[in-house]
Amino acid sequence: PGAFVHAGAALAERAVGGLAGRSLLVVGAGKMSELALQHLA
């Protein structure tokens, strides 16, 4: 179910030069938002 999130995280990693220590903002509190927060954490 998190395929979009996984792919999006890969794009994010390239765009900001790695995710470690980066500040994350999630807008929305549905299932997709929950998956995004868990995966990027």
PDB file of all heavy atoms in Angstrom:
ATOM      1  N   PRO A   1       0.799  -1.227   0.000  1.00  0.00           N
ATOM      2  CA  PRO A   1       0.000   0.000   0.000  1.00  0.00           C
ATOM      3  C   PRO A   1       0.826   1.269   0.000  1.00  0.00           C
ATOM      4  O   PRO A   1       0.324   2.332  -0.326  1.00  0.00           O
ATOM      5  CB  PRO A   1      -0.818  -0.125   1.302  1.00  0.00           C
ATOM      6  CG  PRO A   1       0.004  -1.007   2.175  1.00  0.00           C
ATOM      7  CD  PRO A   1       0.666  -1.986   1.249  1.00  0.00           C
ATOM      8  N   GLY A   2       2.114   1.180   0.366  1.00  0.00           N
ATOM      9  CA  GLY A   2       2.921   2.390   0.429  1.00  0.00           C
ATOM     10  C   GLY A   2       3.782   2.619  -0.791  1.00  0.00           C
ATOM     11  O   GLY A   2       4.775   3.347  -0.707  1.00  0.00           O
ATOM     12  N   ALA A   3       3.400   2.031  -1.938  1.00  0.00           N
ATOM     13  CA  ALA A   3       4.245   2.139  -3.128  1.00  0.00           C
ATOM     14  C   ALA A   3       4.467   3.593  -3.543  1.00  0.00           C
ATOM     15  O   ALA A   3       5.579   3.984  -3.912  1.00  0.00           O
ATOM     16  CB  ALA A   3       3.627   1.343  -4.277  1.00  0.00           C
ATOM     17  N   PHE A   4       3.422   4.409  -3.487  1.00  0.00           N
ATOM     18  CA  PHE A   4       3.561   5.818  -3.843  1.00  0.00           C
ATOM     19  C   PHE A   4       4.523   6.514  -2.884  1.00  0.00           C
ATOM     20  O   PHE A   4       5.358   7.326  -3.294  1.00  0.00           O
ATOM     21  CB  PHE A   4       2.202   6.521  -3.793  1.00  0.00           C
ATOM     22  CG  PHE A   4       1.362   6.308  -5.013  1.00  0.00           C
ATOM     23  CD1 PHE A   4       0.164   5.624  -4.929  1.00  0.00           C
ATOM     24  CD2 PHE A   4       1.753   6.789  -6.240  1.00  0.00           C
ATOM     25  CE1 PHE A   4      -0.612   5.421  -6.046  1.00  0.00           C
ATOM     26  CE2 PHE A   4       0.985   6.601  -7.367  1.00  0.00           C
ATOM     27  CZ  PHE A   4      -0.201   5.914  -7.267  1.00  0.00           C
ATOM     28  N   VAL A   5       4.372   6.203  -1.612  1.00  0.00           N
ATOM     29  CA  VAL A   5       5.222   6.831  -0.601  1.00  0.00           C
ATOM     30  C   VAL A   5       6.684   6.444  -0.813  1.00  0.00           C
ATOM     31  O   VAL A   5       7.587   7.289  -0.758  1.00  0.00           O
ATOM     32  CB  VAL A   5       4.754   6.423   0.809  1.00  0.00           C
ATOM     33  CG1 VAL A   5       5.740   6.914   1.855  1.00  0.00           C
ATOM     34  CG2 VAL A   5       3.365   6.992   1.084  1.00  0.00           C
ATOM     35  N   HIS A   6       6.939   5.167  -1.075  1.00  0.00           N
ATOM     36  CA  HIS A   6       8.312   4.704  -1.285  1.00  0.00           C
ATOM     37  C   HIS A   6       8.933   5.414  -2.487  1.00  0.00           C
ATOM     38  O   HIS A   6      10.087   5.870  -2.430  1.00  0.00           O
ATOM     39  CB  HIS A   6       8.320   3.192  -1.513  1.00  0.00           C
ATOM     40  CG  HIS A   6       8.021   2.411  -0.271  1.00  0.00           C
ATOM     41  ND1 HIS A   6       8.709   1.269   0.062  1.00  0.00           N
ATOM     42  CD2 HIS A   6       7.109   2.604   0.715  1.00  0.00           C
ATOM     43  CE1 HIS A   6       8.236   0.792   1.206  1.00  0.00           C
ATOM     44  NE2 HIS A   6       7.251   1.581   1.601  1.00  0.00           N
ATOM     45  N   ALA A   7       8.175   5.481  -3.587  1.00  0.00           N
ATOM     46  CA  ALA A   7       8.687   6.136  -4.785  1.00  0.00           C
ATOM     47  C   ALA A   7       8.899   7.625  -4.534  1.00  0.00           C
ATOM     48  O   ALA A   7       9.896   8.213  -4.980  1.00  0.00           O
ATOM     49  CB  ALA A   7       7.727   5.924  -5.950  1.00  0.00           C
ATOM     50  N   GLY A   8       7.946   8.258  -3.828  1.00  0.00           N
ATOM     51  CA  GLY A   8       8.077   9.675  -3.522  1.00  0.00           C
ATOM     52  C   GLY A   8       9.265   9.968  -2.623  1.00  0.00           C
ATOM     53  O   GLY A   8       9.963  10.982  -2.786  1.00  0.00           O
ATOM     54  N   ALA A   9       9.520   9.057  -1.677  1.00  0.00           N
ATOM     55  CA  ALA A   9      10.667   9.239  -0.784  1.00  0.00           C
ATOM     56  C   ALA A   9      11.974   9.195  -1.556  1.00  0.00           C
ATOM     57  O   ALA A   9      12.922   9.939  -1.250  1.00  0.00           O
ATOM     58  CB  ALA A   9      10.643   8.163   0.302  1.00  0.00           C
ATOM     59  N   ALA A  10      12.036   8.335  -2.572  1.00  0.00           N
ATOM     60  CA  ALA A  10      13.242   8.265  -3.400  1.00  0.00           C
ATOM     61  C   ALA A  10      13.463   9.573  -4.153  1.00  0.00           C
ATOM     62  O   ALA A  10      14.599  10.062  -4.264  1.00  0.00           O
ATOM     63  CB  ALA A  10      13.126   7.098  -4.378  1.00  0.00           C
ATOM     64  N   LEU A  11      12.360  10.155  -4.649  1.00  0.00           N
ATOM     65  CA  LEU A  11      12.482  11.457  -5.318  1.00  0.00           C
ATOM     66  C   LEU A  11      12.934  12.529  -4.333  1.00  0.00           C
ATOM     67  O   LEU A  11      13.773  13.387  -4.651  1.00  0.00           O
ATOM     68  CB  LEU A  11      11.139  11.846  -5.935  1.00  0.00           C
ATOM     69  CG  LEU A  11      10.616  10.995  -7.090  1.00  0.00           C
ATOM     70  CD1 LEU A  11       9.264  11.524  -7.558  1.00  0.00           C
ATOM     71  CD2 LEU A  11      11.607  10.981  -8.251  1.00  0.00           C
ATOM     72  N   ALA A  12      12.377  12.486  -3.119  1.00  0.00           N
ATOM     73  CA  ALA A  12      12.730  13.472  -2.103  1.00  0.00           C
ATOM     74  C   ALA A  12      14.208  13.377  -1.740  1.00  0.00           C
ATOM     75  O   ALA A  12      14.899  14.391  -1.576  1.00  0.00           O
ATOM     76  CB  ALA A  12      11.870  13.263  -0.858  1.00  0.00           C
ATOM     77  N   GLU A  13      14.698  12.150  -1.622  1.00  0.00           N
ATOM     78  CA  GLU A  13      16.094  11.944  -1.245  1.00  0.00           C
ATOM     79  C   GLU A  13      17.033  12.571  -2.264  1.00  0.00           C
ATOM     80  O   GLU A  13      18.040  13.211  -1.908  1.00  0.00           O
ATOM     81  CB  GLU A  13      16.365  10.449  -1.116  1.00  0.00           C
ATOM     82  CG  GLU A  13      17.653  10.104  -0.402  1.00  0.00           C
ATOM     83  CD  GLU A  13      17.672   8.657   0.039  1.00  0.00           C
ATOM     84  OE1 GLU A  13      17.052   7.830  -0.665  1.00  0.00           O
ATOM     85  OE2 GLU A  13      18.298   8.365   1.064  1.00  0.00           O
ATOM     86  N   ARG A  14      16.694  12.417  -3.555  1.00  0.00           N
ATOM     87  CA  ARG A  14      17.527  13.016  -4.597  1.00  0.00           C
ATOM     88  C   ARG A  14      17.415  14.542  -4.589  1.00  0.00           C
ATOM     89  O   ARG A  14      18.396  15.252  -4.823  1.00  0.00           O
ATOM     90  CB  ARG A  14      17.110  12.472  -5.966  1.00  0.00           C
ATOM     91  CG  ARG A  14      17.486  11.012  -6.173  1.00  0.00           C
ATOM     92  CD  ARG A  14      17.437  10.631  -7.646  1.00  0.00           C
ATOM     93  NE  ARG A  14      16.077  10.697  -8.183  1.00  0.00           N
ATOM     94  CZ  ARG A  14      15.233   9.686  -8.170  1.00  0.00           C
ATOM     95  NH1 ARG A  14      15.582   8.531  -7.601  1.00  0.00           N
ATOM     96  NH2 ARG A  14      14.033   9.808  -8.693  1.00  0.00           N
ATOM     97  N   ALA A  15      16.192  15.040  -4.312  1.00  0.00           N
ATOM     98  CA  ALA A  15      15.968  16.494  -4.390  1.00  0.00           C
ATOM     99  C   ALA A  15      16.675  17.266  -3.290  1.00  0.00           C
ATOM    100  O   ALA A  15      17.186  18.372  -3.519  1.00  0.00           O
ATOM    101  CB  ALA A  15      14.470  16.784  -4.346  1.00  0.00           C
ATOM    102  N   VAL A  16      16.739  16.691  -2.080  1.00  0.00           N
ATOM    103  CA  VAL A  16      17.305  17.444  -0.947  1.00  0.00           C
ATOM    104  C   VAL A  16      18.656  16.889  -0.498  1.00  0.00           C
ATOM    105  O   VAL A  16      19.206  17.326   0.515  1.00  0.00           O
ATOM    106  CB  VAL A  16      16.321  17.467   0.256  1.00  0.00           C
ATOM    107  CG1 VAL A  16      15.020  18.133  -0.139  1.00  0.00           C
ATOM    108  CG2 VAL A  16      16.062  16.049   0.789  1.00  0.00           C
ATOM    109  N   GLY A  17      19.185  15.904  -1.264  1.00  0.00           N
ATOM    110  CA  GLY A  17      20.508  15.384  -0.942  1.00  0.00           C
ATOM    111  C   GLY A  17      20.545  14.486   0.270  1.00  0.00           C
ATOM    112  O   GLY A  17      21.455  14.608   1.111  1.00  0.00           O
ATOM    113  N   GLY A  18      19.574  13.591   0.391  1.00  0.00           N
ATOM    114  CA  GLY A  18      19.527  12.664   1.537  1.00  0.00           C
ATOM    115  C   GLY A  18      18.481  13.091   2.543  1.00  0.00           C
ATOM    116  O   GLY A  18      18.233  14.284   2.734  1.00  0.00           O
ATOM    117  N   LEU A  19      17.869  12.105   3.207  1.00  0.00           N
ATOM    118  CA  LEU A  19      16.767  12.395   4.132  1.00  0.00           C
ATOM    119  C   LEU A  19      17.206  12.484   5.590  1.00  0.00           C
ATOM    120  O   LEU A  19      16.460  13.011   6.422  1.00  0.00           O
ATOM    121  CB  LEU A  19      15.681  11.310   3.998  1.00  0.00           C
ATOM    122  CG  LEU A  19      14.959  11.266   2.654  1.00  0.00           C
ATOM    123  CD1 LEU A  19      14.009  10.069   2.600  1.00  0.00           C
ATOM    124  CD2 LEU A  19      14.182  12.552   2.422  1.00  0.00           C
ATOM    125  N   ALA A  20      18.358  11.962   5.917  1.00  0.00           N
ATOM    126  CA  ALA A  20      18.794  11.945   7.313  1.00  0.00           C
ATOM    127  C   ALA A  20      18.844  13.356   7.888  1.00  0.00           C
ATOM    128  O   ALA A  20      19.498  14.246   7.334  1.00  0.00           O
ATOM    129  CB  ALA A  20      20.163  11.273   7.422  1.00  0.00           C
ATOM    130  N   GLY A  21      18.127  13.547   8.977  1.00  0.00           N
ATOM    131  CA  GLY A  21      18.121  14.834   9.661  1.00  0.00           C
ATOM    132  C   GLY A  21      17.258  15.896   9.037  1.00  0.00           C
ATOM    133  O   GLY A  21      17.149  17.004   9.577  1.00  0.00           O
ATOM    134  N   ARG A  22      16.624  15.603   7.902  1.00  0.00           N
ATOM    135  CA  ARG A  22      15.782  16.605   7.243  1.00  0.00           C
ATOM    136  C   ARG A  22      14.455  16.774   7.997  1.00  0.00           C
ATOM    137  O   ARG A  22      13.940  15.846   8.605  1.00  0.00           O
ATOM    138  CB  ARG A  22      15.491  16.193   5.805  1.00  0.00           C
ATOM    139  CG  ARG A  22      16.730  16.054   4.936  1.00  0.00           C
ATOM    140  CD  ARG A  22      17.444  17.372   4.740  1.00  0.00           C
ATOM    141  NE  ARG A  22      18.565  17.242   3.829  1.00  0.00           N
ATOM    142  CZ  ARG A  22      19.347  18.244   3.456  1.00  0.00           C
ATOM    143  NH1 ARG A  22      19.104  19.461   3.931  1.00  0.00           N
ATOM    144  NH2 ARG A  22      20.360  18.045   2.635  1.00  0.00           N
ATOM    145  N   SER A  23      13.909  17.975   7.891  1.00  0.00           N
ATOM    146  CA  SER A  23      12.636  18.280   8.547  1.00  0.00           C
ATOM    147  C   SER A  23      11.478  17.904   7.631  1.00  0.00           C
ATOM    148  O   SER A  23      11.457  18.274   6.455  1.00  0.00           O
ATOM    149  CB  SER A  23      12.574  19.775   8.880  1.00  0.00           C
ATOM    150  OG  SER A  23      11.320  20.095   9.452  1.00  0.00           O
ATOM    151  N   LEU A  24      10.520  17.150   8.167  1.00  0.00           N
ATOM    152  CA  LEU A  24       9.389  16.642   7.388  1.00  0.00           C
ATOM    153  C   LEU A  24       8.091  17.298   7.827  1.00  0.00           C
ATOM    154  O   LEU A  24       7.798  17.390   9.013  1.00  0.00           O
ATOM    155  CB  LEU A  24       9.272  15.124   7.563  1.00  0.00           C
ATOM    156  CG  LEU A  24       8.021  14.456   6.980  1.00  0.00           C
ATOM    157  CD1 LEU A  24       8.016  14.557   5.452  1.00  0.00           C
ATOM    158  CD2 LEU A  24       7.933  12.997   7.425  1.00  0.00           C
ATOM    159  N   LEU A  25       7.301  17.719   6.837  1.00  0.00           N
ATOM    160  CA  LEU A  25       5.947  18.215   7.089  1.00  0.00           C
ATOM    161  C   LEU A  25       4.968  17.336   6.324  1.00  0.00           C
ATOM    162  O   LEU A  25       5.116  17.160   5.109  1.00  0.00           O
ATOM    163  CB  LEU A  25       5.808  19.672   6.628  1.00  0.00           C
ATOM    164  CG  LEU A  25       4.376  20.237   6.594  1.00  0.00           C
ATOM    165  CD1 LEU A  25       3.746  20.238   7.982  1.00  0.00           C
ATOM    166  CD2 LEU A  25       4.370  21.648   5.992  1.00  0.00           C
ATOM    167  N   VAL A  26       3.996  16.781   7.025  1.00  0.00           N
ATOM    168  CA  VAL A  26       2.949  15.983   6.409  1.00  0.00           C
ATOM    169  C   VAL A  26       1.633  16.744   6.552  1.00  0.00           C
ATOM    170  O   VAL A  26       1.233  17.105   7.667  1.00  0.00           O
ATOM    171  CB  VAL A  26       2.828  14.584   7.067  1.00  0.00           C
ATOM    172  CG1 VAL A  26       1.669  13.802   6.453  1.00  0.00           C
ATOM    173  CG2 VAL A  26       4.131  13.817   6.915  1.00  0.00           C
ATOM    174  N   VAL A  27       0.977  16.997   5.428  1.00  0.00           N
ATOM    175  CA  VAL A  27      -0.293  17.726   5.430  1.00  0.00           C
ATOM    176  C   VAL A  27      -1.401  16.733   5.119  1.00  0.00           C
ATOM    177  O   VAL A  27      -1.447  16.151   4.040  1.00  0.00           O
ATOM    178  CB  VAL A  27      -0.281  18.870   4.396  1.00  0.00           C
ATOM    179  CG1 VAL A  27      -1.584  19.664   4.471  1.00  0.00           C
ATOM    180  CG2 VAL A  27       0.915  19.786   4.647  1.00  0.00           C
ATOM    181  N   GLY A  28      -2.293  16.542   6.077  1.00  0.00           N
ATOM    182  CA  GLY A  28      -3.333  15.531   5.970  1.00  0.00           C
ATOM    183  C   GLY A  28      -3.084  14.446   7.006  1.00  0.00           C
ATOM    184  O   GLY A  28      -1.936  14.198   7.399  1.00  0.00           O
ATOM    185  N   ALA A  29      -4.152  13.782   7.433  1.00  0.00           N
ATOM    186  CA  ALA A  29      -4.005  12.780   8.492  1.00  0.00           C
ATOM    187  C   ALA A  29      -4.706  11.481   8.136  1.00  0.00           C
ATOM    188  O   ALA A  29      -5.161  10.754   9.020  1.00  0.00           O
ATOM    189  CB  ALA A  29      -4.531  13.332   9.819  1.00  0.00           C
ATOM    190  N   GLY A  30      -4.786  11.182   6.837  1.00  0.00           N
ATOM    191  CA  GLY A  30      -5.380   9.929   6.399  1.00  0.00           C
ATOM    192  C   GLY A  30      -4.352   8.809   6.348  1.00  0.00           C
ATOM    193  O   GLY A  30      -3.224   8.938   6.841  1.00  0.00           O
ATOM    194  N   LYS A  31      -4.767   7.686   5.740  1.00  0.00           N
ATOM    195  CA  LYS A  31      -3.895   6.516   5.688  1.00  0.00           C
ATOM    196  C   LYS A  31      -2.605   6.808   4.937  1.00  0.00           C
ATOM    197  O   LYS A  31      -1.519   6.399   5.368  1.00  0.00           O
ATOM    198  CB  LYS A  31      -4.653   5.372   5.000  1.00  0.00           C
ATOM    199  CG  LYS A  31      -3.876   4.074   4.927  1.00  0.00           C
ATOM    200  CD  LYS A  31      -3.608   3.510   6.315  1.00  0.00           C
ATOM    201  CE  LYS A  31      -2.929   2.150   6.244  1.00  0.00           C
ATOM    202  NZ  LYS A  31      -2.607   1.619   7.584  1.00  0.00           N
ATOM    203  N   MET A  32      -2.698   7.520   3.807  1.00  0.00           N
ATOM    204  CA  MET A  32      -1.496   7.808   3.024  1.00  0.00           C
ATOM    205  C   MET A  32      -0.530   8.674   3.820  1.00  0.00           C
ATOM    206  O   MET A  32       0.687   8.449   3.788  1.00  0.00           O
ATOM    207  CB  MET A  32      -1.865   8.494   1.711  1.00  0.00           C
ATOM    208  CG  MET A  32      -0.712   8.620   0.748  1.00  0.00           C
ATOM    209  SD  MET A  32      -0.136   7.029   0.122  1.00  0.00           S
ATOM    210  CE  MET A  32      -1.403   6.712  -1.111  1.00  0.00           C
ATOM    211  N   SER A  33      -1.040   9.645   4.550  1.00  0.00           N
ATOM    212  CA  SER A  33      -0.183  10.499   5.368  1.00  0.00           C
ATOM    213  C   SER A  33       0.500   9.694   6.460  1.00  0.00           C
ATOM    214  O   SER A  33       1.696   9.887   6.751  1.00  0.00           O
ATOM    215  CB  SER A  33      -1.020  11.618   6.001  1.00  0.00           C
ATOM    216  OG  SER A  33      -1.591  12.436   5.007  1.00  0.00           O
ATOM    217  N   GLU A  34      -0.235   8.777   7.063  1.00  0.00           N
ATOM    218  CA  GLU A  34       0.331   7.934   8.114  1.00  0.00           C
ATOM    219  C   GLU A  34       1.457   7.053   7.565  1.00  0.00           C
ATOM    220  O   GLU A  34       2.521   6.915   8.182  1.00  0.00           O
ATOM    221  CB  GLU A  34      -0.772   7.074   8.717  1.00  0.00           C
ATOM    222  CG  GLU A  34      -0.375   6.340   9.975  1.00  0.00           C
ATOM    223  CD  GLU A  34      -1.567   5.685  10.657  1.00  0.00           C
ATOM    224  OE1 GLU A  34      -2.684   5.771  10.119  1.00  0.00           O
ATOM    225  OE2 GLU A  34      -1.356   5.079  11.725  1.00  0.00           O
ATOM    226  N   LEU A  35       1.229   6.481   6.389  1.00  0.00           N
ATOM    227  CA  LEU A  35       2.259   5.663   5.752  1.00  0.00           C
ATOM    228  C   LEU A  35       3.499   6.492   5.435  1.00  0.00           C
ATOM    229  O   LEU A  35       4.634   6.039   5.615  1.00  0.00           O
ATOM    230  CB  LEU A  35       1.711   5.042   4.469  1.00  0.00           C
ATOM    231  CG  LEU A  35       0.699   3.909   4.638  1.00  0.00           C
ATOM    232  CD1 LEU A  35       0.065   3.575   3.284  1.00  0.00           C
ATOM    233  CD2 LEU A  35       1.353   2.681   5.233  1.00  0.00           C
ATOM    234  N   ALA A  36       3.266   7.715   4.941  1.00  0.00           N
ATOM    235  CA  ALA A  36       4.385   8.587   4.595  1.00  0.00           C
ATOM    236  C   ALA A  36       5.224   8.908   5.823  1.00  0.00           C
ATOM    237  O   ALA A  36       6.468   8.850   5.787  1.00  0.00           O
ATOM    238  CB  ALA A  36       3.863   9.873   3.955  1.00  0.00           C
ATOM    239  N   LEU A  37       4.567   9.238   6.918  1.00  0.00           N
ATOM    240  CA  LEU A  37       5.293   9.586   8.136  1.00  0.00           C
ATOM    241  C   LEU A  37       6.102   8.395   8.650  1.00  0.00           C
ATOM    242  O   LEU A  37       7.283   8.526   9.001  1.00  0.00           O
ATOM    243  CB  LEU A  37       4.303  10.051   9.200  1.00  0.00           C
ATOM    244  CG  LEU A  37       4.911  10.466  10.547  1.00  0.00           C
ATOM    245  CD1 LEU A  37       5.880  11.626  10.359  1.00  0.00           C
ATOM    246  CD2 LEU A  37       3.813  10.845  11.535  1.00  0.00           C
ATOM    247  N   GLN A  38       5.486   7.232   8.667  1.00  0.00           N
ATOM    248  CA  GLN A  38       6.180   6.034   9.155  1.00  0.00           C
ATOM    249  C   GLN A  38       7.387   5.707   8.284  1.00  0.00           C
ATOM    250  O   GLN A  38       8.479   5.415   8.794  1.00  0.00           O
ATOM    251  CB  GLN A  38       5.205   4.857   9.189  1.00  0.00           C
ATOM    252  CG  GLN A  38       4.118   4.983  10.238  1.00  0.00           C
ATOM    253  CD  GLN A  38       3.069   3.901  10.118  1.00  0.00           C
ATOM    254  OE1 GLN A  38       3.088   3.086   9.208  1.00  0.00           O
ATOM    255  NE2 GLN A  38       2.125   3.885  11.055  1.00  0.00           N
ATOM    256  N   HIS A  39       7.195   5.765   6.966  1.00  0.00           N
ATOM    257  CA  HIS A  39       8.278   5.376   6.064  1.00  0.00           C
ATOM    258  C   HIS A  39       9.444   6.353   6.134  1.00  0.00           C
ATOM    259  O   HIS A  39      10.613   5.931   6.189  1.00  0.00           O
ATOM    260  CB  HIS A  39       7.746   5.296   4.630  1.00  0.00           C
ATOM    261  CG  HIS A  39       8.787   4.884   3.638  1.00  0.00           C
ATOM    262  ND1 HIS A  39       9.334   3.619   3.622  1.00  0.00           N
ATOM    263  CD2 HIS A  39       9.398   5.573   2.637  1.00  0.00           C
ATOM    264  CE1 HIS A  39      10.235   3.540   2.657  1.00  0.00           C
ATOM    265  NE2 HIS A  39      10.284   4.707   2.038  1.00  0.00           N
ATOM    266  N   LEU A  40       9.156   7.640   6.152  1.00  0.00           N
ATOM    267  CA  LEU A  40      10.252   8.606   6.184  1.00  0.00           C
ATOM    268  C   LEU A  40      10.932   8.648   7.547  1.00  0.00           C
ATOM    269  O   LEU A  40      12.131   8.927   7.637  1.00  0.00           O
ATOM    270  CB  LEU A  40       9.760   9.992   5.771  1.00  0.00           C
ATOM    271  CG  LEU A  40       9.880  10.228   4.247  1.00  0.00           C
ATOM    272  CD1 LEU A  40       8.824   9.430   3.486  1.00  0.00           C
ATOM    273  CD2 LEU A  40       9.772  11.702   3.910  1.00  0.00           C
ATOM    274  N   ALA A  41      10.174   8.333   8.599  1.00  0.00           N
ATOM    275  CA  ALA A  41      10.808   8.231   9.920  1.00  0.00           C
ATOM    276  C   ALA A  41      11.809   7.085   9.930  1.00  0.00           C
ATOM    277  O   ALA A  41      12.906   7.185  10.503  1.00  0.00           O
ATOM    278  CB  ALA A  41       9.748   8.025  10.996  1.00  0.00           C
TER     279      ALA A  41
END
